[in-house]
Amino acid sequence: MGSSQGLGAVVIAAQGMMDTTLMFAALVLIAVIGLLLYQGCLLLERRLLRAHAFPASSLSASSPPRSRGNS
């Protein structure tokens, strides 16, 4: 299993050639791509679930509602 293309292959090749600058540059690029994908998912989630958002008052740290039982 392996590949001769992609950022993972660049990291492995740079490691084998002892090229730490290239290796860390590829790792930083992988991290940036991951962060961008994460932010994109958050944005998509906010847009798709906008109608299901809870009002701000229901998110406050208040005591739970009391039941109206016969006690």
PDB file of N, CA and C in Angstrom:
ATOM      1  N   MET A   1       0.850  -1.172   0.000  1.00  0.00           N
ATOM      2  CA  MET A   1       0.000   0.000   0.000  1.00  0.00           C
ATOM      3  C   MET A   1       0.892   1.230   0.000  1.00  0.00           C
ATOM      4  N   GLY A   2       0.612   2.140  -0.835  1.00  0.00           N
ATOM      5  CA  GLY A   2       1.398   3.350  -0.912  1.00  0.00           C
ATOM      6  C   GLY A   2       1.054   4.106  -2.169  1.00  0.00           C
ATOM      7  N   SER A   3       1.634   5.256  -2.279  1.00  0.00           N
ATOM      8  CA  SER A   3       1.355   6.078  -3.437  1.00  0.00           C
ATOM      9  C   SER A   3       2.605   6.844  -3.813  1.00  0.00           C
ATOM     10  N   SER A   4       2.689   7.174  -5.059  1.00  0.00           N
ATOM     11  CA  SER A   4       3.813   7.985  -5.515  1.00  0.00           C
ATOM     12  C   SER A   4       3.383   9.424  -5.753  1.00  0.00           C
ATOM     13  N   GLN A   5       2.120   9.725  -5.396  1.00  0.00           N
ATOM     14  CA  GLN A   5       1.597  11.076  -5.572  1.00  0.00           C
ATOM     15  C   GLN A   5       0.943  11.537  -4.272  1.00  0.00           C
ATOM     16  N   GLY A   6       0.767  12.834  -4.149  1.00  0.00           N
ATOM     17  CA  GLY A   6       0.061  13.378  -3.005  1.00  0.00           C
ATOM     18  C   GLY A   6       0.996  13.931  -1.940  1.00  0.00           C
ATOM     19  N   LEU A   7       0.387  14.576  -0.961  1.00  0.00           N
ATOM     20  CA  LEU A   7       1.171  15.213   0.097  1.00  0.00           C
ATOM     21  C   LEU A   7       1.825  14.194   1.022  1.00  0.00           C
ATOM     22  N   GLY A   8       1.152  13.072   1.244  1.00  0.00           N
ATOM     23  CA  GLY A   8       1.753  12.026   2.071  1.00  0.00           C
ATOM     24  C   GLY A   8       3.025  11.486   1.450  1.00  0.00           C
ATOM     25  N   ALA A   9       3.000  11.297   0.141  1.00  0.00           N
ATOM     26  CA  ALA A   9       4.192  10.826  -0.564  1.00  0.00           C
ATOM     27  C   ALA A   9       5.306  11.863  -0.509  1.00  0.00           C
ATOM     28  N   VAL A  10       4.945  13.135  -0.557  1.00  0.00           N
ATOM     29  CA  VAL A  10       5.946  14.205  -0.446  1.00  0.00           C
ATOM     30  C   VAL A  10       6.599  14.163   0.928  1.00  0.00           C
ATOM     31  N   VAL A  11       5.793  13.974   1.975  1.00  0.00           N
ATOM     32  CA  VAL A  11       6.340  13.907   3.333  1.00  0.00           C
ATOM     33  C   VAL A  11       7.294  12.727   3.460  1.00  0.00           C
ATOM     34  N   ILE A  12       6.887  11.577   2.955  1.00  0.00           N
ATOM     35  CA  ILE A  12       7.729  10.377   3.066  1.00  0.00           C
ATOM     36  C   ILE A  12       9.011  10.536   2.247  1.00  0.00           C
ATOM     37  N   ALA A  13       8.899  11.087   1.049  1.00  0.00           N
ATOM     38  CA  ALA A  13      10.088  11.293   0.220  1.00  0.00           C
ATOM     39  C   ALA A  13      11.032  12.305   0.859  1.00  0.00           C
ATOM     40  N   ALA A  14      10.467  13.385   1.420  1.00  0.00           N
ATOM     41  CA  ALA A  14      11.306  14.392   2.065  1.00  0.00           C
ATOM     42  C   ALA A  14      11.991  13.824   3.294  1.00  0.00           C
ATOM     43  N   GLN A  15      11.291  12.952   4.012  1.00  0.00           N
ATOM     44  CA  GLN A  15      11.891  12.311   5.183  1.00  0.00           C
ATOM     45  C   GLN A  15      13.064  11.425   4.759  1.00  0.00           C
ATOM     46  N   GLY A  16      12.870  10.683   3.675  1.00  0.00           N
ATOM     47  CA  GLY A  16      13.938   9.811   3.181  1.00  0.00           C
ATOM     48  C   GLY A  16      15.144  10.580   2.684  1.00  0.00           C
ATOM     49  N   MET A  17      14.926  11.789   2.148  1.00  0.00           N
ATOM     50  CA  MET A  17      16.030  12.617   1.643  1.00  0.00           C
ATOM     51  C   MET A  17      16.585  13.541   2.722  1.00  0.00           C
ATOM     52  N   MET A  18      16.056  13.419   3.946  1.00  0.00           N
ATOM     53  CA  MET A  18      16.471  14.273   5.066  1.00  0.00           C
ATOM     54  C   MET A  18      16.233  15.756   4.772  1.00  0.00           C
ATOM     55  N   ASP A  19      15.191  16.041   4.019  1.00  0.00           N
ATOM     56  CA  ASP A  19      14.824  17.423   3.682  1.00  0.00           C
ATOM     57  C   ASP A  19      13.727  17.877   4.655  1.00  0.00           C
ATOM     58  N   THR A  20      14.156  18.320   5.836  1.00  0.00           N
ATOM     59  CA  THR A  20      13.180  18.683   6.881  1.00  0.00           C
ATOM     60  C   THR A  20      12.355  19.902   6.503  1.00  0.00           C
ATOM     61  N   THR A  21      12.915  20.809   5.736  1.00  0.00           N
ATOM     62  CA  THR A  21      12.169  21.996   5.327  1.00  0.00           C
ATOM     63  C   THR A  21      10.965  21.607   4.472  1.00  0.00           C
ATOM     64  N   LEU A  22      11.187  20.755   3.491  1.00  0.00           N
ATOM     65  CA  LEU A  22      10.093  20.293   2.637  1.00  0.00           C
ATOM     66  C   LEU A  22       9.088  19.460   3.429  1.00  0.00           C
ATOM     67  N   MET A  23       9.600  18.627   4.330  1.00  0.00           N
ATOM     68  CA  MET A  23       8.718  17.786   5.114  1.00  0.00           C
ATOM     69  C   MET A  23       7.786  18.636   5.988  1.00  0.00           C
ATOM     70  N   PHE A  24       8.329  19.624   6.685  1.00  0.00           N
ATOM     71  CA  PHE A  24       7.491  20.467   7.537  1.00  0.00           C
ATOM     72  C   PHE A  24       6.579  21.378   6.719  1.00  0.00           C
ATOM     73  N   ALA A  25       7.025  21.802   5.542  1.00  0.00           N
ATOM     74  CA  ALA A  25       6.162  22.605   4.678  1.00  0.00           C
ATOM     75  C   ALA A  25       4.954  21.785   4.230  1.00  0.00           C
ATOM     76  N   ALA A  26       5.175  20.525   3.896  1.00  0.00           N
ATOM     77  CA  ALA A  26       4.060  19.653   3.499  1.00  0.00           C
ATOM     78  C   ALA A  26       3.138  19.394   4.687  1.00  0.00           C
ATOM     79  N   LEU A  27       3.695  19.202   5.880  1.00  0.00           N
ATOM     80  CA  LEU A  27       2.874  18.986   7.070  1.00  0.00           C
ATOM     81  C   LEU A  27       2.043  20.222   7.410  1.00  0.00           C
ATOM     82  N   VAL A  28       2.619  21.393   7.271  1.00  0.00           N
ATOM     83  CA  VAL A  28       1.864  22.628   7.513  1.00  0.00           C
ATOM     84  C   VAL A  28       0.751  22.767   6.487  1.00  0.00           C
ATOM     85  N   LEU A  29       1.036  22.434   5.236  1.00  0.00           N
ATOM     86  CA  LEU A  29       0.011  22.496   4.196  1.00  0.00           C
ATOM     87  C   LEU A  29      -1.123  21.514   4.487  1.00  0.00           C
ATOM     88  N   ILE A  30      -0.786  20.318   4.960  1.00  0.00           N
ATOM     89  CA  ILE A  30      -1.821  19.340   5.335  1.00  0.00           C
ATOM     90  C   ILE A  30      -2.671  19.891   6.480  1.00  0.00           C
ATOM     91  N   ALA A  31      -2.043  20.527   7.460  1.00  0.00           N
ATOM     92  CA  ALA A  31      -2.781  21.093   8.597  1.00  0.00           C
ATOM     93  C   ALA A  31      -3.702  22.220   8.142  1.00  0.00           C
ATOM     94  N   VAL A  32      -3.218  23.078   7.251  1.00  0.00           N
ATOM     95  CA  VAL A  32      -4.032  24.189   6.751  1.00  0.00           C
ATOM     96  C   VAL A  32      -5.228  23.658   5.964  1.00  0.00           C
ATOM     97  N   ILE A  33      -5.005  22.654   5.135  1.00  0.00           N
ATOM     98  CA  ILE A  33      -6.110  22.053   4.386  1.00  0.00           C
ATOM     99  C   ILE A  33      -7.135  21.465   5.355  1.00  0.00           C
ATOM    100  N   GLY A  34      -6.676  20.803   6.404  1.00  0.00           N
ATOM    101  CA  GLY A  34      -7.575  20.251   7.404  1.00  0.00           C
ATOM    102  C   GLY A  34      -8.394  21.327   8.100  1.00  0.00           C
ATOM    103  N   LEU A  35      -7.749  22.427   8.467  1.00  0.00           N
ATOM    104  CA  LEU A  35      -8.472  23.530   9.115  1.00  0.00           C
ATOM    105  C   LEU A  35      -9.497  24.158   8.174  1.00  0.00           C
ATOM    106  N   LEU A  36      -9.139  24.321   6.910  1.00  0.00           N
ATOM    107  CA  LEU A  36     -10.078  24.885   5.940  1.00  0.00           C
ATOM    108  C   LEU A  36     -11.281  23.967   5.731  1.00  0.00           C
ATOM    109  N   LEU A  37     -11.035  22.670   5.667  1.00  0.00           N
ATOM    110  CA  LEU A  37     -12.144  21.724   5.527  1.00  0.00           C
ATOM    111  C   LEU A  37     -13.045  21.751   6.764  1.00  0.00           C
ATOM    112  N   TYR A  38     -12.447  21.862   7.940  1.00  0.00           N
ATOM    113  CA  TYR A  38     -13.223  21.934   9.180  1.00  0.00           C
ATOM    114  C   TYR A  38     -14.090  23.194   9.204  1.00  0.00           C
ATOM    115  N   GLN A  39     -13.506  24.336   8.862  1.00  0.00           N
ATOM    116  CA  GLN A  39     -14.269  25.584   8.831  1.00  0.00           C
ATOM    117  C   GLN A  39     -15.369  25.523   7.775  1.00  0.00           C
ATOM    118  N   GLY A  40     -15.088  24.897   6.645  1.00  0.00           N
ATOM    119  CA  GLY A  40     -16.110  24.733   5.610  1.00  0.00           C
ATOM    120  C   GLY A  40     -17.272  23.886   6.097  1.00  0.00           C
ATOM    121  N   CYS A  41     -16.971  22.837   6.844  1.00  0.00           N
ATOM    122  CA  CYS A  41     -18.038  22.000   7.412  1.00  0.00           C
ATOM    123  C   CYS A  41     -18.858  22.774   8.427  1.00  0.00           C
ATOM    124  N   LEU A  42     -18.207  23.589   9.253  1.00  0.00           N
ATOM    125  CA  LEU A  42     -18.949  24.410  10.212  1.00  0.00           C
ATOM    126  C   LEU A  42     -19.873  25.390   9.503  1.00  0.00           C
ATOM    127  N   LEU A  43     -19.384  26.025   8.461  1.00  0.00           N
ATOM    128  CA  LEU A  43     -20.196  26.977   7.707  1.00  0.00           C
ATOM    129  C   LEU A  43     -21.382  26.275   7.059  1.00  0.00           C
ATOM    130  N   LEU A  44     -21.133  25.132   6.466  1.00  0.00           N
ATOM    131  CA  LEU A  44     -22.207  24.366   5.840  1.00  0.00           C
ATOM    132  C   LEU A  44     -23.236  23.930   6.881  1.00  0.00           C
ATOM    133  N   GLU A  45     -22.770  23.495   8.047  1.00  0.00           N
ATOM    134  CA  GLU A  45     -23.684  23.085   9.109  1.00  0.00           C
ATOM    135  C   GLU A  45     -24.554  24.249   9.565  1.00  0.00           C
ATOM    136  N   ARG A  46     -23.950  25.429   9.742  1.00  0.00           N
ATOM    137  CA  ARG A  46     -24.725  26.606  10.154  1.00  0.00           C
ATOM    138  C   ARG A  46     -25.785  26.968   9.119  1.00  0.00           C
ATOM    139  N   ARG A  47     -25.436  26.882   7.856  1.00  0.00           N
ATOM    140  CA  ARG A  47     -26.401  27.237   6.803  1.00  0.00           C
ATOM    141  C   ARG A  47     -27.528  26.218   6.695  1.00  0.00           C
ATOM    142  N   LEU A  48     -27.187  24.946   6.812  1.00  0.00           N
ATOM    143  CA  LEU A  48     -28.201  23.915   6.664  1.00  0.00           C
ATOM    144  C   LEU A  48     -29.101  23.794   7.886  1.00  0.00           C
ATOM    145  N   LEU A  49     -28.572  24.073   9.055  1.00  0.00           N
ATOM    146  CA  LEU A  49     -29.337  23.898  10.283  1.00  0.00           C
ATOM    147  C   LEU A  49     -29.791  25.225  10.884  1.00  0.00           C
ATOM    148  N   ARG A  50     -29.824  26.267  10.083  1.00  0.00           N
ATOM    149  CA  ARG A  50     -30.215  27.588  10.571  1.00  0.00           C
ATOM    150  C   ARG A  50     -31.635  27.562  11.147  1.00  0.00           C
ATOM    151  N   ALA A  51     -32.554  26.835  10.528  1.00  0.00           N
ATOM    152  CA  ALA A  51     -33.941  26.775  10.989  1.00  0.00           C
ATOM    153  C   ALA A  51     -34.067  26.017  12.294  1.00  0.00           C
ATOM    154  N   HIS A  52     -33.102  25.195  12.629  1.00  0.00           N
ATOM    155  CA  HIS A  52     -33.164  24.392  13.845  1.00  0.00           C
ATOM    156  C   HIS A  52     -32.381  24.999  14.993  1.00  0.00           C
ATOM    157  N   ALA A  53     -31.919  26.213  14.839  1.00  0.00           N
ATOM    158  CA  ALA A  53     -31.124  26.849  15.896  1.00  0.00           C
ATOM    159  C   ALA A  53     -31.993  27.121  17.111  1.00  0.00           C
ATOM    160  N   PHE A  54     -31.400  26.934  18.273  1.00  0.00           N
ATOM    161  CA  PHE A  54     -32.109  27.193  19.516  1.00  0.00           C
ATOM    162  C   PHE A  54     -32.028  28.668  19.853  1.00  0.00           C
ATOM    163  N   PRO A  55     -33.066  29.219  20.487  1.00  0.00           N
ATOM    164  CA  PRO A  55     -32.979  30.608  20.926  1.00  0.00           C
ATOM    165  C   PRO A  55     -31.908  30.758  21.998  1.00  0.00           C
ATOM    166  N   ALA A  56     -31.338  31.925  22.096  1.00  0.00           N
ATOM    167  CA  ALA A  56     -30.245  32.152  23.036  1.00  0.00           C
ATOM    168  C   ALA A  56     -30.690  31.954  24.477  1.00  0.00           C
ATOM    169  N   SER A  57     -31.943  32.248  24.804  1.00  0.00           N
ATOM    170  CA  SER A  57     -32.403  32.125  26.180  1.00  0.00           C
ATOM    171  C   SER A  57     -32.439  30.675  26.646  1.00  0.00           C
ATOM    172  N   SER A  58     -32.629  29.722  25.726  1.00  0.00           N
ATOM    173  CA  SER A  58     -32.696  28.326  26.137  1.00  0.00           C
ATOM    174  C   SER A  58     -31.314  27.749  26.404  1.00  0.00           C
ATOM    175  N   LEU A  59     -30.250  28.447  25.989  1.00  0.00           N
ATOM    176  CA  LEU A  59     -28.901  27.963  26.189  1.00  0.00           C
ATOM    177  C   LEU A  59     -28.278  28.479  27.479  1.00  0.00           C
ATOM    178  N   SER A  60     -28.970  29.344  28.187  1.00  0.00           N
ATOM    179  CA  SER A  60     -28.394  29.905  29.405  1.00  0.00           C
ATOM    180  C   SER A  60     -28.389  28.849  30.504  1.00  0.00           C
ATOM    181  N   ALA A  61     -27.535  29.060  31.470  1.00  0.00           N
ATOM    182  CA  ALA A  61     -27.394  28.106  32.574  1.00  0.00           C
ATOM    183  C   ALA A  61     -28.435  28.418  33.641  1.00  0.00           C
ATOM    184  N   SER A  62     -29.649  28.050  33.389  1.00  0.00           N
ATOM    185  CA  SER A  62     -30.713  28.282  34.361  1.00  0.00           C
ATOM    186  C   SER A  62     -31.156  26.951  34.936  1.00  0.00           C
ATOM    187  N   SER A  63     -31.946  27.018  35.999  1.00  0.00           N
ATOM    188  CA  SER A  63     -32.419  25.792  36.624  1.00  0.00           C
ATOM    189  C   SER A  63     -33.464  25.136  35.733  1.00  0.00           C
ATOM    190  N   PRO A  64     -33.588  23.807  35.808  1.00  0.00           N
ATOM    191  CA  PRO A  64     -34.562  23.120  34.970  1.00  0.00           C
ATOM    192  C   PRO A  64     -35.986  23.483  35.394  1.00  0.00           C
ATOM    193  N   PRO A  65     -36.939  23.389  34.481  1.00  0.00           N
ATOM    194  CA  PRO A  65     -38.317  23.751  34.840  1.00  0.00           C
ATOM    195  C   PRO A  65     -38.884  22.765  35.851  1.00  0.00           C
ATOM    196  N   ARG A  66     -39.724  23.279  36.718  1.00  0.00           N
ATOM    197  CA  ARG A  66     -40.337  22.449  37.750  1.00  0.00           C
ATOM    198  C   ARG A  66     -41.566  21.764  37.168  1.00  0.00           C
ATOM    199  N   SER A  67     -41.791  20.541  37.627  1.00  0.00           N
ATOM    200  CA  SER A  67     -42.965  19.822  37.157  1.00  0.00           C
ATOM    201  C   SER A  67     -44.197  20.305  37.926  1.00  0.00           C
ATOM    202  N   ARG A  68     -45.356  20.150  37.323  1.00  0.00           N
ATOM    203  CA  ARG A  68     -46.613  20.614  37.927  1.00  0.00           C
ATOM    204  C   ARG A  68     -47.398  19.434  38.500  1.00  0.00           C
ATOM    205  N   GLY A  69     -46.711  18.482  39.051  1.00  0.00           N
ATOM    206  CA  GLY A  69     -47.354  17.283  39.587  1.00  0.00           C
ATOM    207  C   GLY A  69     -48.046  17.572  40.930  1.00  0.00           C
ATOM    208  N   ASN A  70     -48.865  16.632  41.358  1.00  0.00           N
ATOM    209  CA  ASN A  70     -49.545  16.746  42.648  1.00  0.00           C
ATOM    210  C   ASN A  70     -48.613  16.241  43.735  1.00  0.00           C
ATOM    211  N   SER A  71     -48.037  17.151  44.514  1.00  0.00           N
ATOM    212  CA  SER A  71     -47.175  16.708  45.603  1.00  0.00           C
ATOM    213  C   SER A  71     -47.461  17.454  46.869  1.00  0.00           C
TER     214      SER A  71
END
